[in-house]
N, C-alpha and C. Protein backbone atom coordinates (compact mmCIF):
# COMPACT_ATOMS: atom_id res chain seq x y z
N MET A 1 -4.52 -5.35 -3.71
CA MET A 1 -3.91 -5.42 -4.77
C MET A 1 -2.19 -5.36 -4.78
N SER A 2 -1.98 -5.92 -5.43
CA SER A 2 -0.29 -6.25 -5.38
C SER A 2 0.34 -4.66 -6.36
N ASN A 3 1.58 -4.33 -6.24
CA ASN A 3 2.17 -3.33 -6.92
C ASN A 3 2.33 -3.59 -8.50
N GLY A 4 2.23 -4.83 -8.80
CA GLY A 4 2.57 -5.14 -10.44
C GLY A 4 3.91 -5.66 -10.35
N ILE A 5 4.42 -5.56 -11.71
CA ILE A 5 5.70 -6.19 -11.74
C ILE A 5 6.23 -4.76 -12.13
N GLN A 6 7.72 -4.96 -11.58
CA GLN A 6 8.78 -3.86 -11.75
C GLN A 6 9.17 -4.00 -13.07
N PHE A 7 9.40 -3.53 -13.74
CA PHE A 7 9.84 -3.66 -15.26
C PHE A 7 11.33 -3.18 -15.34
N THR A 8 12.14 -3.56 -14.66
CA THR A 8 13.81 -3.26 -14.53
C THR A 8 14.32 -3.58 -15.89
N ARG A 9 15.72 -2.93 -16.16
CA ARG A 9 16.51 -2.99 -17.43
C ARG A 9 16.64 -4.62 -17.54
N ASP A 10 16.93 -5.25 -16.06
CA ASP A 10 17.56 -6.86 -16.20
C ASP A 10 16.31 -7.56 -16.74
N LEU A 11 15.02 -7.38 -16.21
CA LEU A 11 13.98 -7.87 -16.68
C LEU A 11 13.64 -7.89 -18.38
N TYR A 12 13.85 -6.34 -18.83
CA TYR A 12 13.88 -6.18 -20.21
C TYR A 12 14.73 -7.22 -20.87
N ARG A 13 15.75 -7.16 -20.58
CA ARG A 13 16.90 -7.97 -21.49
C ARG A 13 16.51 -9.67 -21.09
N LYS A 14 15.97 -10.03 -20.24
CA LYS A 14 15.56 -11.33 -19.85
C LYS A 14 14.58 -11.85 -20.93
N ILE A 15 13.23 -10.80 -21.03
CA ILE A 15 12.17 -10.93 -21.88
C ILE A 15 12.48 -10.90 -23.44
N LYS A 16 13.54 -10.03 -23.47
CA LYS A 16 14.24 -9.64 -25.32
C LYS A 16 14.78 -11.05 -25.48
N SER A 17 15.31 -11.73 -24.91
CA SER A 17 16.05 -12.76 -25.03
C SER A 17 15.15 -14.26 -25.05
N MET A 18 14.15 -14.01 -24.67
CA MET A 18 13.26 -15.41 -24.50
C MET A 18 12.77 -15.81 -25.85
N ASN A 19 12.78 -16.99 -26.00
CA ASN A 19 11.76 -17.59 -27.35
C ASN A 19 10.44 -17.70 -26.91
N ARG A 20 9.71 -18.33 -28.38
CA ARG A 20 8.39 -18.09 -27.98
C ARG A 20 7.85 -18.96 -26.93
N ASP A 21 8.05 -20.03 -26.44
CA ASP A 21 7.59 -20.98 -25.37
C ASP A 21 7.83 -20.53 -23.77
N GLU A 22 8.91 -19.72 -23.88
CA GLU A 22 9.24 -18.89 -22.63
C GLU A 22 8.48 -17.76 -22.59
N MET A 23 8.40 -17.06 -23.47
CA MET A 23 7.44 -15.83 -23.42
C MET A 23 6.10 -16.42 -23.26
N GLU A 24 5.46 -17.24 -24.03
CA GLU A 24 4.07 -17.79 -23.90
C GLU A 24 3.88 -18.18 -22.18
N ARG A 25 4.81 -19.08 -21.54
CA ARG A 25 4.78 -19.19 -19.96
C ARG A 25 4.92 -18.04 -19.36
N THR A 26 5.55 -16.81 -19.60
CA THR A 26 5.88 -16.00 -18.77
C THR A 26 4.53 -15.24 -18.86
N VAL A 27 4.15 -14.51 -20.10
CA VAL A 27 2.87 -14.11 -20.10
C VAL A 27 1.59 -14.71 -19.64
N ASN A 28 1.56 -16.32 -19.72
CA ASN A 28 0.45 -16.68 -19.11
C ASN A 28 0.60 -16.67 -17.46
N ASN A 29 1.52 -16.75 -16.92
CA ASN A 29 1.94 -16.60 -15.46
C ASN A 29 1.52 -15.40 -14.98
N ILE A 30 1.99 -14.19 -15.71
CA ILE A 30 1.59 -12.76 -15.50
C ILE A 30 -0.05 -12.84 -15.48
N TYR A 31 -0.96 -13.41 -16.49
CA TYR A 31 -2.20 -13.29 -16.59
C TYR A 31 -2.56 -14.05 -15.31
N GLU A 32 -2.30 -15.32 -14.84
CA GLU A 32 -2.75 -15.76 -13.82
C GLU A 32 -2.66 -15.18 -12.55
N MET A 33 -1.46 -14.49 -12.52
CA MET A 33 -1.29 -13.80 -11.49
C MET A 33 -2.40 -12.42 -11.38
N GLY A 34 -2.91 -12.01 -12.20
CA GLY A 34 -3.58 -10.91 -12.42
C GLY A 34 -4.98 -11.66 -11.90
N VAL A 35 -5.33 -12.78 -12.54
CA VAL A 35 -6.51 -13.29 -12.17
C VAL A 35 -6.71 -13.69 -10.70
N LYS A 36 -5.78 -14.13 -10.08
CA LYS A 36 -5.76 -14.51 -8.60
C LYS A 36 -5.91 -12.94 -7.97
N ASP A 37 -5.02 -12.30 -8.20
CA ASP A 37 -5.14 -10.90 -7.59
C ASP A 37 -6.90 -10.34 -7.69
N ALA A 38 -7.33 -10.36 -8.96
CA ALA A 38 -8.61 -9.96 -9.19
C ALA A 38 -9.90 -10.49 -8.24
N LEU A 39 -9.42 -11.89 -8.08
CA LEU A 39 -10.47 -12.72 -7.48
C LEU A 39 -10.33 -12.58 -5.90
N GLU A 40 -9.02 -12.39 -5.34
CA GLU A 40 -8.84 -12.12 -4.20
C GLU A 40 -9.29 -10.50 -3.48
N ASN A 41 -9.40 -9.86 -4.36
CA ASN A 41 -9.71 -8.39 -4.12
C ASN A 41 -11.36 -8.01 -4.55
N ALA A 42 -11.66 -9.09 -5.11
CA ALA A 42 -13.14 -8.51 -5.53
C ALA A 42 -14.31 -8.41 -4.34
N VAL A 43 -14.45 -7.39 -4.61
CA VAL A 43 -15.94 -6.98 -3.58
C VAL A 43 -17.34 -6.55 -4.32
N ILE A 44 -17.96 -7.43 -3.47
CA ILE A 44 -19.58 -7.03 -3.82
C ILE A 44 -20.14 -6.24 -2.88
N ASP A 45 -20.76 -5.09 -2.91
CA ASP A 45 -21.49 -4.39 -1.97
C ASP A 45 -22.97 -4.67 -2.39
N LEU A 46 -23.57 -5.42 -2.01
CA LEU A 46 -25.00 -5.65 -1.76
C LEU A 46 -25.82 -5.52 -0.38
N ASP A 47 -26.51 -4.35 -0.62
CA ASP A 47 -27.42 -3.96 0.64
C ASP A 47 -28.67 -4.70 0.55
N MET A 48 -28.62 -5.79 1.10
CA MET A 48 -29.71 -6.91 1.44
C MET A 48 -31.13 -6.24 1.78
N ASP A 49 -31.09 -5.32 2.51
CA ASP A 49 -32.25 -4.79 2.88
C ASP A 49 -32.85 -3.85 1.80
N LYS A 50 -32.12 -3.22 1.05
CA LYS A 50 -32.67 -2.36 -0.04
C LYS A 50 -33.17 -3.44 -1.05
N LEU A 51 -32.39 -4.52 -1.33
CA LEU A 51 -32.86 -5.67 -1.95
C LEU A 51 -34.25 -5.92 -1.98
N ARG A 52 -34.20 -6.33 -0.66
CA ARG A 52 -35.74 -7.04 -0.36
C ARG A 52 -36.55 -5.68 -0.38
N THR A 53 -36.41 -4.69 0.13
CA THR A 53 -37.70 -3.69 -0.07
C THR A 53 -37.99 -3.31 -1.54
N GLU A 54 -37.01 -3.55 -2.39
CA GLU A 54 -37.23 -3.25 -3.91
C GLU A 54 -37.95 -4.52 -4.47
N LEU A 55 -37.58 -5.77 -4.11
CA LEU A 55 -37.98 -7.18 -4.45
C LEU A 55 -39.65 -7.16 -3.95
N GLY A 56 -39.79 -6.29 -2.88
CA GLY A 56 -41.17 -6.51 -1.98
C GLY A 56 -42.15 -5.42 -3.01
N THR A 57 -41.80 -4.59 -3.56
CA THR A 57 -42.47 -3.76 -4.61
C THR A 57 -43.17 -4.59 -5.57
N VAL A 58 -42.29 -5.60 -6.06
CA VAL A 58 -43.29 -6.04 -7.27
C VAL A 58 -44.32 -6.77 -7.00
N SER A 59 -45.22 -6.44 -8.03
CA SER A 59 -46.47 -7.09 -7.81
C SER A 59 -46.47 -8.72 -7.77
N GLY A 60 -47.06 -9.11 -6.82
CA GLY A 60 -47.58 -10.58 -6.81
C GLY A 60 -46.76 -11.24 -5.93
N ILE A 61 -45.88 -10.64 -5.48
CA ILE A 61 -44.70 -11.22 -4.51
C ILE A 61 -45.14 -10.74 -2.82
N GLY A 62 -45.58 -11.73 -2.33
CA GLY A 62 -46.20 -11.53 -1.00
C GLY A 62 -44.82 -11.72 -0.02
N GLU A 63 -45.41 -11.75 1.26
CA GLU A 63 -43.92 -11.90 2.27
C GLU A 63 -43.38 -13.40 2.36
N LYS A 64 -44.18 -14.36 2.16
CA LYS A 64 -43.75 -15.72 1.98
C LYS A 64 -42.88 -15.72 0.77
N ARG A 65 -43.21 -15.57 -0.17
CA ARG A 65 -42.40 -16.07 -1.73
C ARG A 65 -41.16 -14.74 -1.39
N LEU A 66 -41.44 -13.85 -0.85
CA LEU A 66 -40.21 -12.74 -0.62
C LEU A 66 -39.12 -13.37 0.07
N GLU A 67 -39.49 -13.95 1.17
CA GLU A 67 -38.69 -14.98 2.27
C GLU A 67 -38.02 -15.83 1.25
N GLN A 68 -38.43 -16.42 0.53
CA GLN A 68 -38.02 -17.76 -0.19
C GLN A 68 -36.93 -17.13 -1.11
N ILE A 69 -37.39 -16.11 -2.03
CA ILE A 69 -36.30 -15.10 -2.84
C ILE A 69 -35.03 -14.78 -2.18
N MET A 70 -35.07 -14.32 -1.09
CA MET A 70 -34.38 -13.75 -0.37
C MET A 70 -33.26 -14.78 0.40
N GLU A 71 -33.78 -16.07 0.62
CA GLU A 71 -32.97 -17.17 1.00
C GLU A 71 -32.19 -17.57 0.06
N ILE A 72 -32.72 -17.67 -1.16
CA ILE A 72 -31.97 -18.24 -2.34
C ILE A 72 -30.97 -17.40 -2.60
N ILE A 73 -31.16 -16.14 -2.74
CA ILE A 73 -30.31 -15.15 -2.97
C ILE A 73 -28.69 -15.27 -1.81
N GLN A 74 -29.07 -15.33 -0.39
CA GLN A 74 -28.28 -15.48 0.45
C GLN A 74 -27.57 -16.60 -0.08
N ARG A 75 -28.22 -17.71 -0.17
CA ARG A 75 -27.49 -19.11 -0.19
C ARG A 75 -26.79 -18.96 -1.30
N ASN A 76 -26.71 -18.76 -2.31
CA ASN A 76 -26.13 -18.37 -3.41
C ASN A 76 -24.86 -17.35 -3.47
N ILE A 77 -25.15 -16.37 -2.63
CA ILE A 77 -24.01 -15.55 -2.19
C ILE A 77 -22.95 -16.10 -1.37
N ALA A 78 -23.44 -16.95 -0.29
CA ALA A 78 -22.45 -17.62 0.67
C ALA A 78 -21.80 -18.87 -0.34
N GLU A 79 -22.29 -19.47 -1.31
CA GLU A 79 -21.97 -20.45 -1.90
C GLU A 79 -20.58 -19.75 -3.04
N ALA A 80 -20.98 -18.68 -3.51
CA ALA A 80 -20.02 -18.05 -4.43
C ALA A 80 -18.71 -17.55 -3.66
N ASP A 81 -19.12 -16.78 -2.39
CA ASP A 81 -17.89 -16.51 -1.49
C ASP A 81 -16.93 -17.75 -1.13
N ASN A 82 -17.48 -19.14 -1.19
CA ASN A 82 -16.67 -20.23 -0.90
C ASN A 82 -15.97 -20.95 -1.99
N LYS A 83 -16.48 -20.76 -3.21
CA LYS A 83 -15.98 -21.31 -4.44
C LYS A 83 -14.42 -20.83 -4.76
N GLU A 84 -13.52 -21.71 -4.86
CA GLU A 84 -12.06 -21.40 -5.25
C GLU A 84 -12.11 -21.31 -7.04
N PRO A 85 -11.32 -20.37 -7.38
CA PRO A 85 -11.37 -20.20 -8.80
C PRO A 85 -10.95 -21.84 -9.51
N LYS A 86 -11.28 -22.06 -10.46
CA LYS A 86 -11.09 -23.50 -11.43
C LYS A 86 -10.18 -22.86 -12.43
N PRO A 87 -9.32 -23.61 -12.38
CA PRO A 87 -8.04 -23.32 -13.42
C PRO A 87 -8.42 -23.78 -14.73
N ASP A 88 -8.09 -23.24 -15.88
CA ASP A 88 -8.24 -23.43 -17.27
C ASP A 88 -7.81 -24.76 -17.89
N LYS A 89 -6.81 -25.15 -17.67
CA LYS A 89 -6.18 -26.29 -18.02
C LYS A 89 -6.21 -27.27 -16.81
C-alpha cells in the first residue's frame, strides 16, 4: 500500500484556493488512487482443500458433483484474478 498523501502546508494552501471544479477533480483523483491501491493489494486467502472438504459434507453431493463444483470455483477465481477494474465513466 502507498503511504498516502503528505498534507503539507503548500498542499493545504493549494486546496484552499481551489474552486469547486478543481476540488471535485482533485477529490475524484484521490478516490481513484485509493480504488487502484485497494485492488492492487486485495488478497483473498482461500483454502481450497478445506473448501472441498466442507462442500463434500453436504448431503447429496457426491465425488463427481464435488469435482464439478470445485472446477467452477477455480475457474471463477482465475477469471477474477485476470479482470481489470472497469472505470466508472
